[in-house]
Amino acid sequence: MKLLRNVLQSIGLGLVVLSLNLSSVQAQETVQKGTLPLPEVNEETNMISNWRGGYPLPNSIRAWHYNPDFVMPMMEVGQAVQNSTLSYRLQMMIAAIVSSRNNCIYCLCSSLRALNDDGKSDSLMITLQSKINPSDFDNKTGSALLLAEQLTMNPSESSYSVENAINAGWDNDEIASIIFLVSYMNMMNRIAISFNLAPDESHPYDQDAKLPITRCDKRLQ
């Protein structure tokens, strides 16, 4: 459940375990012109009745509440995407690549914080936000990261990257898991960008930060 607690909690997938009173957590945001305001969510309208974790509901999940029927299926898809044989580290690296290519700092900061917490170096964070050079990684990892980049930047030309991943030793189920994760992250990036989601209390960051970035949490800067 590590992925759920880290990246996906902040971008809308986390299910955690302590109680949260939502009656007073939603402050009014200043909404930029051309940006939809986030729905107010309280104890009665919150579709995730068991949301917990010591933080208010992430803004990404609040956005989903424009269509309440959409919320729980999205949670279930997120859990299914996470439930693969791909390692936690690789999933975070893929999430960072996709989010940085889409310039989605909201989602990028979730994966970077997870990698920070896992003791990964700043040089890795910068490498993930740069054009992927497979030789910077072992053969299998490099092929997976290149596939993530290609599916995000030029999906119609991704067949070479799929073949490269097969040749590197990934099996069909693992490659499918990479494709599903990349596709899901791209969707989440577009939701976050379209709603211009403000930082969540659980992962504050500088909205004006420019890539590459290594630390998102203002409390660490």
Protein backbone atom coordinates (compact mmCIF):
# COMPACT_ATOMS: atom_id res chain seq x y z
CA MET A 1 0.00 0.00 0.00
CA LYS A 2 3.05 2.27 -0.08
CA LEU A 3 2.10 3.75 -3.44
CA LEU A 4 -1.43 4.47 -2.20
CA ARG A 5 -0.12 6.29 0.85
CA ASN A 6 2.37 8.44 -1.04
CA VAL A 7 1.76 9.37 -4.70
CA LEU A 8 -1.79 8.34 -4.89
CA GLN A 9 -2.95 9.90 -1.64
CA SER A 10 -1.99 13.29 -3.03
CA ILE A 11 -3.32 12.76 -6.55
CA GLY A 12 -6.52 11.12 -5.56
CA LEU A 13 -6.01 7.41 -4.84
CA GLY A 14 -4.95 7.17 -1.19
CA LEU A 15 -7.00 5.13 1.26
CA VAL A 16 -5.53 5.38 4.73
CA VAL A 17 -6.64 4.43 8.17
CA LEU A 18 -7.35 7.19 10.83
CA SER A 19 -10.57 9.21 11.12
CA LEU A 20 -10.98 12.67 9.63
CA ASN A 21 -13.61 15.26 10.38
CA LEU A 22 -14.36 16.91 7.04
CA SER A 23 -16.87 19.44 8.29
CA SER A 24 -14.35 22.28 8.52
CA VAL A 25 -11.46 21.28 6.27
CA GLN A 26 -12.48 22.95 3.04
CA ALA A 27 -11.37 26.56 2.89
CA GLN A 28 -12.48 28.80 0.07
CA GLU A 29 -9.78 29.00 -2.60
CA THR A 30 -9.03 31.91 -4.85
CA VAL A 31 -9.98 30.56 -8.25
CA GLN A 32 -8.18 31.88 -11.31
CA LYS A 33 -10.20 32.97 -14.30
CA GLY A 34 -10.92 29.99 -16.53
CA THR A 35 -10.53 27.50 -13.69
CA LEU A 36 -13.42 25.58 -12.16
CA PRO A 37 -13.85 25.98 -8.40
CA LEU A 38 -13.55 22.74 -6.47
CA PRO A 39 -16.80 21.36 -5.07
CA GLU A 40 -17.36 21.73 -1.37
CA VAL A 41 -17.16 18.31 0.27
CA ASN A 42 -18.48 17.65 3.76
CA GLU A 43 -19.38 14.60 5.81
CA GLU A 44 -22.67 14.19 3.94
CA THR A 45 -21.37 14.65 0.39
CA ASN A 46 -18.00 12.93 0.76
CA MET A 47 -18.16 9.73 -1.29
CA ILE A 48 -15.16 8.24 0.51
CA SER A 49 -16.72 7.68 3.90
CA ASN A 50 -13.62 5.98 5.29
CA TRP A 51 -11.14 8.67 4.19
CA ARG A 52 -8.52 9.04 6.88
CA GLY A 53 -4.92 9.99 7.40
CA GLY A 54 -4.73 13.24 9.32
CA TYR A 55 -5.08 15.46 6.23
CA PRO A 56 -8.06 17.00 4.45
CA LEU A 57 -9.34 15.28 1.35
CA PRO A 58 -6.81 15.88 -1.49
CA ASN A 59 -7.91 18.47 -4.00
CA SER A 60 -7.80 15.92 -6.81
CA ILE A 61 -10.46 13.82 -5.08
CA ARG A 62 -12.52 16.93 -4.42
CA ALA A 63 -12.50 17.59 -8.18
CA TRP A 64 -13.91 14.11 -8.79
CA HIS A 65 -16.94 15.05 -6.67
CA TYR A 66 -18.33 17.02 -9.61
CA ASN A 67 -19.61 13.57 -10.55
CA PRO A 68 -20.11 11.57 -7.32
CA ASP A 69 -20.63 8.36 -9.29
CA PHE A 70 -17.11 8.80 -10.63
CA VAL A 71 -15.32 8.84 -7.26
CA MET A 72 -15.27 5.22 -6.10
CA PRO A 73 -14.58 3.75 -9.58
CA MET A 74 -11.60 6.08 -9.79
CA MET A 75 -10.38 4.86 -6.42
CA GLU A 76 -10.78 1.27 -7.55
CA VAL A 77 -8.91 1.88 -10.81
CA GLY A 78 -6.09 3.49 -8.86
CA GLN A 79 -5.83 0.53 -6.54
CA ALA A 80 -5.82 -1.86 -9.50
CA VAL A 81 -3.05 0.12 -11.20
CA GLN A 82 -1.01 -0.03 -8.00
CA ASN A 83 -1.62 -3.74 -7.53
CA SER A 84 1.04 -5.02 -9.89
CA THR A 85 4.39 -6.78 -9.68
CA LEU A 86 6.23 -3.55 -10.53
CA SER A 87 8.41 -2.41 -7.66
CA TYR A 88 7.45 0.62 -5.58
CA ARG A 89 10.63 2.41 -6.66
CA LEU A 90 9.92 1.84 -10.35
CA GLN A 91 6.31 3.00 -10.01
CA MET A 92 7.48 6.23 -8.37
CA MET A 93 10.09 6.77 -11.07
CA ILE A 94 7.50 6.24 -13.82
CA ALA A 95 5.09 8.63 -12.09
CA ALA A 96 7.82 11.27 -11.89
CA ILE A 97 8.67 10.89 -15.59
CA VAL A 98 5.06 11.18 -16.75
CA SER A 99 4.22 14.12 -14.49
CA SER A 100 7.38 16.05 -15.38
CA ARG A 101 6.78 15.59 -19.11
CA ASN A 102 3.29 17.01 -18.63
CA ASN A 103 4.64 19.75 -16.36
CA CYS A 104 2.17 18.69 -13.67
CA ILE A 105 3.90 19.85 -10.50
CA TYR A 106 0.91 18.80 -8.36
CA CYS A 107 1.39 15.14 -9.32
CA LEU A 108 5.17 15.33 -9.69
CA CYS A 109 5.57 16.48 -6.12
CA SER A 110 3.78 13.39 -4.87
CA SER A 111 6.20 11.00 -6.57
CA LEU A 112 9.25 13.11 -5.69
CA ARG A 113 8.27 13.18 -2.06
CA ALA A 114 7.82 9.42 -2.10
CA LEU A 115 11.29 8.99 -3.62
CA ASN A 116 12.74 11.45 -1.11
CA ASP A 117 11.20 9.47 1.72
CA ASP A 118 12.68 6.32 0.24
CA GLY A 119 16.18 7.81 0.36
CA LYS A 120 16.71 8.38 -3.34
CA SER A 121 19.29 10.95 -4.43
CA ASP A 122 18.65 14.40 -5.85
CA SER A 123 20.64 13.40 -8.95
CA LEU A 124 18.06 10.70 -9.68
CA MET A 125 15.24 13.26 -9.37
CA ILE A 126 16.94 15.48 -11.95
CA THR A 127 17.66 12.54 -14.28
CA LEU A 128 14.00 11.51 -14.24
CA GLN A 129 12.97 15.01 -15.28
CA SER A 130 15.42 15.02 -18.21
CA LYS A 131 15.26 13.14 -21.49
CA ILE A 132 15.69 9.49 -20.57
CA ASN A 133 19.01 7.96 -21.51
CA PRO A 134 18.61 4.21 -20.92
CA SER A 135 22.34 3.86 -20.32
CA ASP A 136 21.89 5.80 -17.06
CA PHE A 137 20.06 2.76 -15.66
CA ASP A 138 20.30 -1.01 -15.79
CA ASN A 139 18.88 -2.47 -19.01
CA LYS A 140 15.46 -3.46 -17.65
CA THR A 141 14.86 -0.24 -15.73
CA GLY A 142 16.04 1.92 -18.62
CA SER A 143 13.69 0.18 -21.06
CA ALA A 144 10.71 0.66 -18.72
CA LEU A 145 11.44 4.35 -18.18
CA LEU A 146 11.93 4.91 -21.90
CA LEU A 147 8.57 3.26 -22.54
CA ALA A 148 6.93 5.57 -19.97
CA GLU A 149 8.45 8.62 -21.64
CA GLN A 150 7.50 7.49 -25.15
CA LEU A 151 3.90 6.64 -24.21
CA THR A 152 3.55 10.11 -22.70
CA MET A 153 5.31 12.17 -25.34
CA ASN A 154 4.62 10.27 -28.55
CA PRO A 155 2.29 7.32 -27.95
CA SER A 156 1.72 6.56 -31.63
CA GLU A 157 5.45 5.75 -31.92
CA SER A 158 5.66 3.59 -28.79
CA SER A 159 5.86 0.17 -30.48
CA TYR A 160 9.66 0.36 -30.57
CA SER A 161 9.77 1.01 -26.84
CA VAL A 162 7.43 -1.91 -26.17
CA GLU A 163 9.66 -4.20 -28.24
CA ASN A 164 12.70 -2.84 -26.43
CA ALA A 165 11.08 -3.63 -23.06
CA ILE A 166 10.31 -7.18 -24.21
CA ASN A 167 13.93 -7.66 -25.29
CA ALA A 168 15.11 -6.30 -21.94
CA GLY A 169 13.31 -9.12 -20.14
CA TRP A 170 9.96 -7.67 -19.07
CA ASP A 171 7.10 -10.12 -19.49
CA ASN A 172 3.77 -9.23 -21.08
CA ASP A 173 1.95 -8.69 -17.77
CA GLU A 174 4.67 -6.34 -16.52
CA ILE A 175 4.65 -4.31 -19.73
CA ALA A 176 0.86 -4.08 -19.54
CA SER A 177 1.22 -2.81 -15.95
CA ILE A 178 3.64 -0.11 -17.14
CA ILE A 179 1.20 0.92 -19.87
CA PHE A 180 -1.73 1.09 -17.44
CA LEU A 181 0.26 3.12 -14.89
CA VAL A 182 1.52 5.55 -17.53
CA SER A 183 -1.98 5.98 -18.96
CA TYR A 184 -3.51 6.52 -15.54
CA MET A 185 -0.87 9.08 -14.58
CA ASN A 186 -1.43 10.96 -17.82
CA MET A 187 -5.15 11.16 -17.05
CA MET A 188 -4.48 12.34 -13.49
CA ASN A 189 -2.04 14.95 -14.78
CA ARG A 190 -4.66 16.35 -17.09
CA ILE A 191 -7.25 16.54 -14.34
CA ALA A 192 -4.81 18.31 -12.01
CA ILE A 193 -3.69 20.75 -14.69
CA SER A 194 -7.21 21.51 -15.96
CA PHE A 195 -8.45 22.26 -12.44
CA ASN A 196 -5.22 24.11 -11.63
CA LEU A 197 -5.16 22.22 -8.33
CA ALA A 198 -3.62 24.07 -5.44
CA PRO A 199 -1.13 22.26 -3.18
CA ASP A 200 -2.66 19.97 -0.59
CA GLU A 201 -1.91 20.39 3.08
CA SER A 202 -0.21 17.00 2.94
CA HIS A 203 2.33 18.11 0.32
CA PRO A 204 2.85 21.89 0.14
CA TYR A 205 5.02 23.13 -2.72
CA ASP A 206 5.85 26.22 -4.74
CA GLN A 207 3.36 26.45 -7.60
CA ASP A 208 5.80 28.67 -9.50
CA ALA A 209 8.66 26.17 -9.28
CA LYS A 210 10.41 25.35 -12.54
CA LEU A 211 11.64 21.93 -13.59
CA PRO A 212 13.79 20.18 -12.65
CA ILE A 213 12.98 20.22 -8.95
CA THR A 214 14.26 17.90 -6.25
CA ARG A 215 12.30 18.96 -3.17
CA CYS A 216 8.65 19.98 -3.22
CA ASP A 217 7.86 20.20 0.45
CA LYS A 218 8.42 23.81 1.56
CA ARG A 219 9.18 22.50 5.03
CA LEU A 220 12.30 20.82 3.61
CA GLN A 221 13.63 23.90 1.84
